[in-house]
Amino acid sequence: MKILKVCHTCDRIIGEIELDDLTSQNSDPIMDIVGNVAYALCTDCLRDMETEPNNTYH
């Protein structure tokens, strides 16, 4: 079964993940899974958050 991977911040579709990959030891611990959608950060949003240390995200 495939799960859609979406960015938490900009709602961009990042890709798809197999359900078996989420239960393995190599899964990304920062992903939030809601139904059949796995939320994570895309590289652009992650880079924006890392390069602006004075911003506070809620």
Protein backbone atom coordinates (compact mmCIF):
# COMPACT_ATOMS: atom_id res chain seq x y z
CA MET A 1 0.00 0.00 0.00
CA LYS A 2 1.33 3.41 -0.93
CA ILE A 3 1.16 6.43 1.36
CA LEU A 4 1.37 9.97 0.01
CA LYS A 5 4.21 12.09 1.45
CA VAL A 6 3.29 15.81 1.79
CA CYS A 7 5.23 18.80 3.16
CA HIS A 8 3.95 20.06 6.52
CA THR A 9 4.62 23.69 5.66
CA CYS A 10 3.83 24.30 1.98
CA ASP A 11 1.59 21.24 1.30
CA ARG A 12 3.77 20.27 -1.66
CA ILE A 13 3.59 16.59 -2.61
CA ILE A 14 7.05 15.15 -1.95
CA GLY A 15 6.41 11.61 -3.15
CA GLU A 16 5.04 8.24 -2.14
CA ILE A 17 6.15 5.75 0.48
CA GLU A 18 5.42 2.06 0.77
CA LEU A 19 3.71 1.10 4.02
CA ASP A 20 6.46 -1.49 4.61
CA ASP A 21 9.08 1.30 4.59
CA LEU A 22 7.31 3.06 7.47
CA THR A 23 7.45 0.01 9.70
CA SER A 24 11.12 -0.76 9.02
CA GLN A 25 14.05 0.46 11.11
CA ASN A 26 14.99 2.96 8.37
CA SER A 27 11.80 5.02 8.73
CA ASP A 28 12.01 8.79 9.17
CA PRO A 29 11.14 9.57 12.82
CA ILE A 30 10.12 13.15 12.02
CA MET A 31 7.17 12.13 9.79
CA ASP A 32 3.63 12.47 11.11
CA ILE A 33 1.22 9.93 9.66
CA VAL A 34 -2.46 10.81 9.41
CA GLY A 35 -4.59 8.28 7.56
CA ASN A 36 -2.85 7.56 4.27
CA VAL A 37 -0.73 10.76 4.31
CA ALA A 38 2.74 11.08 5.81
CA TYR A 39 3.69 14.68 6.63
CA ALA A 40 7.34 15.75 6.57
CA LEU A 41 9.32 18.81 5.45
CA CYS A 42 10.45 19.29 1.86
CA THR A 43 14.05 20.34 1.27
CA ASP A 44 13.10 23.96 0.44
CA CYS A 45 11.13 24.49 3.68
CA LEU A 46 13.79 22.72 5.70
CA ARG A 47 16.50 24.95 4.20
CA ASP A 48 14.41 28.09 4.92
CA MET A 49 14.04 27.08 8.57
CA GLU A 50 17.74 26.32 8.97
CA THR A 51 19.00 29.55 7.40
CA GLU A 52 16.82 31.89 9.44
CA PRO A 53 17.58 31.13 13.10
CA ASN A 54 15.71 34.16 14.49
CA ASN A 55 12.34 32.92 13.21
CA THR A 56 10.02 31.16 15.62
CA TYR A 57 7.64 28.60 14.13
CA HIS A 58 4.48 27.57 15.95
